[in-house]
C-alpha atoms as a PDB file:
ATOM      1  CA  MET A   1      46.533  -4.474 -24.626  1.00  0.00           C
ATOM      2  CA  SER A   2      48.760  -1.678 -23.397  1.00  0.00           C
ATOM      3  CA  GLU A   3      52.357  -2.475 -22.501  1.00  0.00           C
ATOM      4  CA  LYS A   4      52.029  -0.131 -19.531  1.00  0.00           C
ATOM      5  CA  VAL A   5      49.324  -2.372 -18.077  1.00  0.00           C
ATOM      6  CA  PHE A   6      50.043  -5.890 -19.342  1.00  0.00           C
ATOM      7  CA  GLY A   7      53.767  -5.692 -20.079  1.00  0.00           C
ATOM      8  CA  LEU A   8      55.480  -4.685 -16.833  1.00  0.00           C
ATOM      9  CA  LYS A   9      58.393  -6.487 -15.236  1.00  0.00           C
ATOM     10  CA  PRO A  10      57.756  -8.065 -11.812  1.00  0.00           C
ATOM     11  CA  ASN A  11      58.551  -6.052  -8.698  1.00  0.00           C
ATOM     12  CA  MET A  12      58.112  -8.479  -5.826  1.00  0.00           C
ATOM     13  CA  PRO A  13      58.986  -6.117  -2.919  1.00  0.00           C
ATOM     14  CA  LEU A  14      56.366  -3.617  -4.110  1.00  0.00           C
ATOM     15  CA  LEU A  15      53.768  -6.335  -4.674  1.00  0.00           C
ATOM     16  CA  HIS A  16      54.421  -7.855  -1.258  1.00  0.00           C
ATOM     17  CA  GLN A  17      54.073  -4.498   0.457  1.00  0.00           C
ATOM     18  CA  VAL A  18      50.769  -3.756  -1.255  1.00  0.00           C
ATOM     19  CA  VAL A  19      49.305  -7.221  -0.595  1.00  0.00           C
ATOM     20  CA  VAL A  20      50.229  -7.103   3.092  1.00  0.00           C
ATOM     21  CA  GLY A  21      48.672  -3.638   3.341  1.00  0.00           C
ATOM     22  CA  LEU A  22      45.443  -4.704   1.620  1.00  0.00           C
ATOM     23  CA  MET A  23      45.075  -7.737   3.873  1.00  0.00           C
ATOM     24  CA  ALA A  24      45.763  -5.643   6.960  1.00  0.00           C
ATOM     25  CA  ASN A  25      43.145  -3.066   5.915  1.00  0.00           C
ATOM     26  CA  SER A  26      40.533  -5.787   5.477  1.00  0.00           C
ATOM     27  CA  ARG A  27      41.342  -7.420   8.819  1.00  0.00           C
ATOM     28  CA  THR A  28      38.493  -7.694  11.306  1.00  0.00           C
ATOM     29  CA  VAL A  29      39.483  -7.312  14.942  1.00  0.00           C
ATOM     30  CA  ILE A  30      37.816 -10.137  16.866  1.00  0.00           C
ATOM     31  CA  ALA A  31      39.845 -10.709  20.049  1.00  0.00           C
ATOM     32  CA  HIS A  32      38.614  -8.558  22.923  1.00  0.00           C
ATOM     33  CA  THR A  33      39.136  -8.892  26.665  1.00  0.00           C
ATOM     34  CA  LYS A  34      37.186  -6.950  29.267  1.00  0.00           C
ATOM     35  CA  GLY A  35      38.878  -4.578  31.645  1.00  0.00           C
ATOM     36  CA  ARG A  36      37.797  -3.959  35.230  1.00  0.00           C
ATOM     37  CA  ALA A  37      35.304  -1.350  34.066  1.00  0.00           C
ATOM     38  CA  GLU A  38      33.572  -3.794  31.705  1.00  0.00           C
ATOM     39  CA  VAL A  39      33.227  -7.010  33.716  1.00  0.00           C
ATOM     40  CA  ARG A  40      30.049  -7.657  35.658  1.00  0.00           C
ATOM     41  CA  GLY A  41      29.803  -6.963  39.385  1.00  0.00           C
ATOM     42  CA  GLY A  42      32.228  -5.313  41.754  1.00  0.00           C
ATOM     43  CA  GLY A  43      30.069  -2.330  42.561  1.00  0.00           C
ATOM     44  CA  ARG A  44      30.293  -2.764  46.286  1.00  0.00           C
ATOM     45  CA  LYS A  45      33.452  -2.458  48.352  1.00  0.00           C
ATOM     46  CA  PRO A  46      34.203  -6.003  49.615  1.00  0.00           C
ATOM     47  CA  TRP A  47      35.092  -4.888  53.146  1.00  0.00           C
ATOM     48  CA  LYS A  48      35.737  -1.713  54.994  1.00  0.00           C
ATOM     49  CA  GLN A  49      38.937   0.199  54.447  1.00  0.00           C
ATOM     50  CA  LYS A  50      40.409  -0.190  57.921  1.00  0.00           C
ATOM     51  CA  GLY A  51      40.236  -2.457  60.912  1.00  0.00           C
ATOM     52  CA  THR A  52      40.068  -5.902  59.279  1.00  0.00           C
ATOM     53  CA  GLY A  53      43.786  -6.584  59.069  1.00  0.00           C
ATOM     54  CA  ARG A  54      43.484  -7.383  55.380  1.00  0.00           C
ATOM     55  CA  ALA A  55      44.808  -5.398  52.464  1.00  0.00           C
ATOM     56  CA  ARG A  56      42.594  -2.565  51.337  1.00  0.00           C
ATOM     57  CA  VAL A  57      40.577  -3.240  48.204  1.00  0.00           C
ATOM     58  CA  GLY A  58      37.962  -1.201  46.407  1.00  0.00           C
ATOM     59  CA  SER A  59      36.394  -3.758  44.054  1.00  0.00           C
ATOM     60  CA  SER A  60      36.185  -7.507  43.618  1.00  0.00           C
ATOM     61  CA  ARG A  61      36.614  -6.992  39.852  1.00  0.00           C
ATOM     62  CA  SER A  62      40.241  -5.946  40.260  1.00  0.00           C
ATOM     63  CA  PRO A  63      42.688  -7.709  37.884  1.00  0.00           C
ATOM     64  CA  LEU A  64      44.212  -9.308  40.986  1.00  0.00           C
ATOM     65  CA  TRP A  65      40.994 -11.157  41.768  1.00  0.00           C
ATOM     66  CA  LYS A  66      39.483 -14.204  40.119  1.00  0.00           C
ATOM     67  CA  GLY A  67      36.758 -13.066  37.732  1.00  0.00           C
ATOM     68  CA  GLY A  68      38.245  -9.602  37.536  1.00  0.00           C
ATOM     69  CA  GLY A  69      39.221  -7.570  34.504  1.00  0.00           C
ATOM     70  CA  VAL A  70      42.211  -8.348  32.304  1.00  0.00           C
ATOM     71  CA  THR A  71      45.249  -6.081  32.353  1.00  0.00           C
ATOM     72  CA  PHE A  72      46.722  -5.114  28.969  1.00  0.00           C
ATOM     73  CA  GLY A  73      44.655  -7.697  27.088  1.00  0.00           C
ATOM     74  CA  PRO A  74      43.711  -7.430  23.399  1.00  0.00           C
ATOM     75  CA  THR A  75      40.794  -5.113  22.665  1.00  0.00           C
ATOM     76  CA  ASN A  76      38.666  -4.448  19.627  1.00  0.00           C
ATOM     77  CA  GLU A  77      39.929  -0.871  19.504  1.00  0.00           C
ATOM     78  CA  ARG A  78      43.199  -1.955  17.880  1.00  0.00           C
ATOM     79  CA  ASN A  79      43.900  -0.502  14.454  1.00  0.00           C
ATOM     80  CA  PHE A  80      45.782  -2.628  11.922  1.00  0.00           C
ATOM     81  CA  SER A  81      45.209  -0.374   8.913  1.00  0.00           C
ATOM     82  CA  VAL A  82      48.188   0.475   6.709  1.00  0.00           C
ATOM     83  CA  LYS A  83      48.400   3.402   4.338  1.00  0.00           C
ATOM     84  CA  ILE A  84      49.054   2.450   0.724  1.00  0.00           C
ATOM     85  CA  ASN A  85      49.705   5.085  -1.895  1.00  0.00           C
ATOM     86  CA  ASP A  86      47.427   5.048  -4.947  1.00  0.00           C
ATOM     87  CA  LYS A  87      50.454   4.945  -7.237  1.00  0.00           C
ATOM     88  CA  MET A  88      51.696   1.804  -5.500  1.00  0.00           C
ATOM     89  CA  LYS A  89      48.297   0.100  -5.802  1.00  0.00           C
ATOM     90  CA  ARG A  90      48.069   0.947  -9.514  1.00  0.00           C
ATOM     91  CA  LYS A  91      51.568  -0.365 -10.138  1.00  0.00           C
ATOM     92  CA  ALA A  92      50.877  -3.563  -8.210  1.00  0.00           C
ATOM     93  CA  MET A  93      47.676  -4.155 -10.185  1.00  0.00           C
ATOM     94  CA  CYS A  94      49.571  -3.821 -13.464  1.00  0.00           C
ATOM     95  CA  ILE A  95      52.272  -6.190 -12.194  1.00  0.00           C
ATOM     96  CA  VAL A  96      49.798  -8.987 -11.388  1.00  0.00           C
ATOM     97  CA  LEU A  97      48.046  -8.505 -14.751  1.00  0.00           C
ATOM     98  CA  SER A  98      51.395  -8.649 -16.534  1.00  0.00           C
ATOM     99  CA  ASP A  99      52.257 -11.812 -14.638  1.00  0.00           C
ATOM    100  CA  LYS A 100      49.085 -13.493 -15.914  1.00  0.00           C
ATOM    101  CA  VAL A 101      50.116 -12.608 -19.457  1.00  0.00           C
ATOM    102  CA  ASN A 102      53.693 -13.852 -19.004  1.00  0.00           C
ATOM    103  CA  ASP A 103      52.505 -17.167 -17.530  1.00  0.00           C
ATOM    104  CA  LYS A 104      49.832 -17.541 -20.254  1.00  0.00           C
ATOM    105  CA  ASN A 105      47.125 -17.615 -17.588  1.00  0.00           C
ATOM    106  CA  LEU A 106      45.018 -14.816 -19.073  1.00  0.00           C
ATOM    107  CA  ILE A 107      41.957 -15.716 -21.154  1.00  0.00           C
ATOM    108  CA  LEU A 108      40.262 -13.013 -23.255  1.00  0.00           C
ATOM    109  CA  LEU A 109      36.659 -13.216 -24.449  1.00  0.00           C
ATOM    110  CA  ASP A 110      34.659 -10.973 -26.737  1.00  0.00           C
ATOM    111  CA  ASP A 111      31.709 -11.218 -24.375  1.00  0.00           C
ATOM    112  CA  LEU A 112      30.387 -13.431 -21.612  1.00  0.00           C
ATOM    113  CA  LYS A 113      26.670 -13.925 -21.076  1.00  0.00           C
ATOM    114  CA  ILE A 114      24.302 -16.631 -19.899  1.00  0.00           C
ATOM    115  CA  SER A 115      20.585 -16.452 -20.572  1.00  0.00           C
ATOM    116  CA  GLU A 116      19.297 -18.259 -17.481  1.00  0.00           C
ATOM    117  CA  TYR A 117      19.998 -19.058 -13.842  1.00  0.00           C
ATOM    118  CA  LYS A 118      21.540 -22.442 -14.490  1.00  0.00           C
ATOM    119  CA  THR A 119      24.554 -23.742 -12.595  1.00  0.00           C
ATOM    120  CA  LYS A 120      24.800 -26.809 -14.817  1.00  0.00           C
ATOM    121  CA  ALA A 121      25.011 -24.696 -17.977  1.00  0.00           C
ATOM    122  CA  PHE A 122      27.653 -22.439 -16.467  1.00  0.00           C
ATOM    123  CA  ASP A 123      29.613 -25.449 -15.217  1.00  0.00           C
ATOM    124  CA  GLN A 124      29.652 -26.821 -18.748  1.00  0.00           C
ATOM    125  CA  MET A 125      30.954 -23.508 -20.057  1.00  0.00           C
ATOM    126  CA  VAL A 126      33.766 -23.540 -17.501  1.00  0.00           C
ATOM    127  CA  ALA A 127      34.491 -27.158 -18.426  1.00  0.00           C
ATOM    128  CA  ASN A 128      35.051 -26.027 -22.008  1.00  0.00           C
ATOM    129  CA  PHE A 129      37.656 -23.539 -20.752  1.00  0.00           C
ATOM    130  CA  SER A 130      39.241 -26.307 -18.698  1.00  0.00           C
ATOM    131  CA  LYS A 131      39.659 -28.608 -21.707  1.00  0.00           C
ATOM    132  CA  LYS A 132      41.632 -25.952 -23.545  1.00  0.00           C
ATOM    133  CA  VAL A 133      43.895 -24.599 -20.824  1.00  0.00           C
ATOM    134  CA  LEU A 134      44.150 -27.159 -18.016  1.00  0.00           C
ATOM    135  CA  THR A 135      46.438 -30.158 -17.977  1.00  0.00           C
ATOM    136  CA  LEU A 136      45.281 -33.561 -16.753  1.00  0.00           C
ATOM    137  CA  ASP A 137      46.750 -32.892 -13.318  1.00  0.00           C
ATOM    138  CA  GLU A 138      44.994 -29.519 -13.019  1.00  0.00           C
ATOM    139  CA  LYS A 139      41.482 -30.538 -14.032  1.00  0.00           C
ATOM    140  CA  ALA A 140      40.660 -31.766 -10.539  1.00  0.00           C
ATOM    141  CA  LYS A 141      41.576 -28.382  -9.042  1.00  0.00           C
ATOM    142  CA  ARG A 142      40.404 -25.753 -11.491  1.00  0.00           C
ATOM    143  CA  SER A 143      40.973 -22.149 -10.536  1.00  0.00           C
ATOM    144  CA  PHE A 144      39.190 -19.449 -12.558  1.00  0.00           C
ATOM    145  CA  LEU A 145      38.518 -15.817 -11.737  1.00  0.00           C
ATOM    146  CA  ILE A 146      35.962 -14.458 -14.195  1.00  0.00           C
ATOM    147  CA  VAL A 147      35.671 -10.683 -14.465  1.00  0.00           C
ATOM    148  CA  ASN A 148      32.657  -9.321 -16.303  1.00  0.00           C
ATOM    149  CA  TYR A 149      32.423  -5.705 -17.408  1.00  0.00           C
ATOM    150  CA  GLN A 150      28.828  -5.293 -16.260  1.00  0.00           C
ATOM    151  CA  GLN A 151      26.936  -6.786 -13.354  1.00  0.00           C
ATOM    152  CA  ASP A 152      25.197  -9.949 -14.529  1.00  0.00           C
ATOM    153  CA  ASN A 153      23.055 -11.757 -11.983  1.00  0.00           C
ATOM    154  CA  HIS A 154      22.731 -14.785 -14.236  1.00  0.00           C
ATOM    155  CA  LEU A 155      26.491 -15.282 -14.127  1.00  0.00           C
ATOM    156  CA  SER A 156      27.005 -14.575 -10.435  1.00  0.00           C
ATOM    157  CA  TYR A 157      24.104 -16.743  -9.245  1.00  0.00           C
ATOM    158  CA  SER A 158      24.962 -19.608 -11.570  1.00  0.00           C
ATOM    159  CA  ALA A 159      28.592 -19.699 -10.418  1.00  0.00           C
ATOM    160  CA  ARG A 160      28.284 -19.172  -6.676  1.00  0.00           C
ATOM    161  CA  ASN A 161      27.998 -22.902  -5.858  1.00  0.00           C
ATOM    162  CA  LEU A 162      30.867 -24.029  -8.078  1.00  0.00           C
ATOM    163  CA  SER A 163      34.217 -24.795  -6.497  1.00  0.00           C
ATOM    164  CA  GLY A 164      37.303 -23.236  -8.019  1.00  0.00           C
ATOM    165  CA  VAL A 165      35.302 -20.569  -9.866  1.00  0.00           C
ATOM    166  CA  LYS A 166      34.554 -16.988  -8.861  1.00  0.00           C
ATOM    167  CA  VAL A 167      32.677 -14.334 -10.843  1.00  0.00           C
ATOM    168  CA  ILE A 168      33.108 -10.675  -9.914  1.00  0.00           C
ATOM    169  CA  ASN A 169      32.078  -7.385 -11.407  1.00  0.00           C
ATOM    170  CA  PHE A 170      34.800  -5.295 -13.040  1.00  0.00           C
ATOM    171  CA  GLU A 171      34.537  -2.610 -10.368  1.00  0.00           C
ATOM    172  CA  ASN A 172      35.341  -5.233  -7.709  1.00  0.00           C
ATOM    173  CA  LEU A 173      38.542  -6.394  -9.405  1.00  0.00           C
ATOM    174  CA  ASN A 174      41.319  -6.576  -6.824  1.00  0.00           C
ATOM    175  CA  ILE A 175      44.865  -7.841  -6.457  1.00  0.00           C
ATOM    176  CA  ILE A 176      44.072 -10.445  -3.789  1.00  0.00           C
ATOM    177  CA  ASP A 177      41.546 -12.311  -5.966  1.00  0.00           C
ATOM    178  CA  ILE A 178      43.845 -12.217  -8.993  1.00  0.00           C
ATOM    179  CA  LEU A 179      46.634 -13.826  -6.980  1.00  0.00           C
ATOM    180  CA  GLN A 180      44.371 -16.447  -5.415  1.00  0.00           C
ATOM    181  CA  TYR A 181      43.124 -17.822  -8.740  1.00  0.00           C
ATOM    182  CA  LYS A 182      45.461 -19.198 -11.389  1.00  0.00           C
ATOM    183  CA  TYR A 183      43.496 -18.241 -14.513  1.00  0.00           C
ATOM    184  CA  LEU A 184      42.015 -14.802 -15.116  1.00  0.00           C
ATOM    185  CA  ILE A 185      39.187 -14.443 -17.636  1.00  0.00           C
ATOM    186  CA  LEU A 186      38.488 -10.930 -18.954  1.00  0.00           C
ATOM    187  CA  THR A 187      36.026  -9.618 -21.499  1.00  0.00           C
ATOM    188  CA  ALA A 188      37.092  -7.193 -24.221  1.00  0.00           C
ATOM    189  CA  ASP A 189      35.278  -4.292 -22.558  1.00  0.00           C
ATOM    190  CA  ALA A 190      37.121  -4.932 -19.321  1.00  0.00           C
ATOM    191  CA  VAL A 191      40.485  -4.887 -21.105  1.00  0.00           C
ATOM    192  CA  ASN A 192      39.655  -1.581 -22.775  1.00  0.00           C
ATOM    193  CA  ILE A 193      38.757   0.031 -19.454  1.00  0.00           C
ATOM    194  CA  LEU A 194      41.942  -1.307 -17.854  1.00  0.00           C
ATOM    195  CA  ASN A 195      43.974   0.223 -20.664  1.00  0.00           C
ATOM    196  CA  GLU A 196      42.280   3.583 -20.235  1.00  0.00           C
ATOM    197  CA  ARG A 197      42.410   3.594 -16.443  1.00  0.00           C
ATOM    198  CA  TYR A 198      46.036   2.580 -15.892  1.00  0.00           C
ATOM    199  CA  SER A 199      47.921   3.556 -19.054  1.00  0.00           C
ATOM    200  CA  ALA A 200      47.657   7.314 -18.511  1.00  0.00           C
ATOM    201  CA  LYS A 201      48.678   7.129 -14.833  1.00  0.00           C
ATOM    202  CA  ASN A 202      51.684   4.798 -15.062  1.00  0.00           C
END
């Protein structure tokens, strides 16, 4: 395990900046209000321009009217994306990995395989991890992020219904998941790739 990857000192301002940026980039814009050009109706001029004594108006879908468009409301065209430098993301990844090592929340395995689609068998395997690393108070709220070097459908399908356990492929490893789960489980192949990928660039 390289010191450049698993032995860095914490840098909380950098980590906070990267996490906020990642969450902003993954944000889905949901809120959307319709303007006067989007609401239904209003194609006909309500009354003639002159001679009625009332104020002139061109459409009943004006923001001043009930049922009209919204002025300056939120739209789905908003952009919350934040630019994050690659160097910052690499450094933040190494910081969270180093934190797992410092807190003794990193579990290393030679290999991790399961021969069948069996949630009960996988749950028993996770229970064996829990006996060794979890205290009595933590056993009711286990929190494991399992990272496998290669895509294994047996693992992913067997674990998807278990609470407190998430299995991801190595290529999908990200800072947000590492921070959300207390214990990180890596295979030896995954550690070797992490050393090669981040040691030369830090």
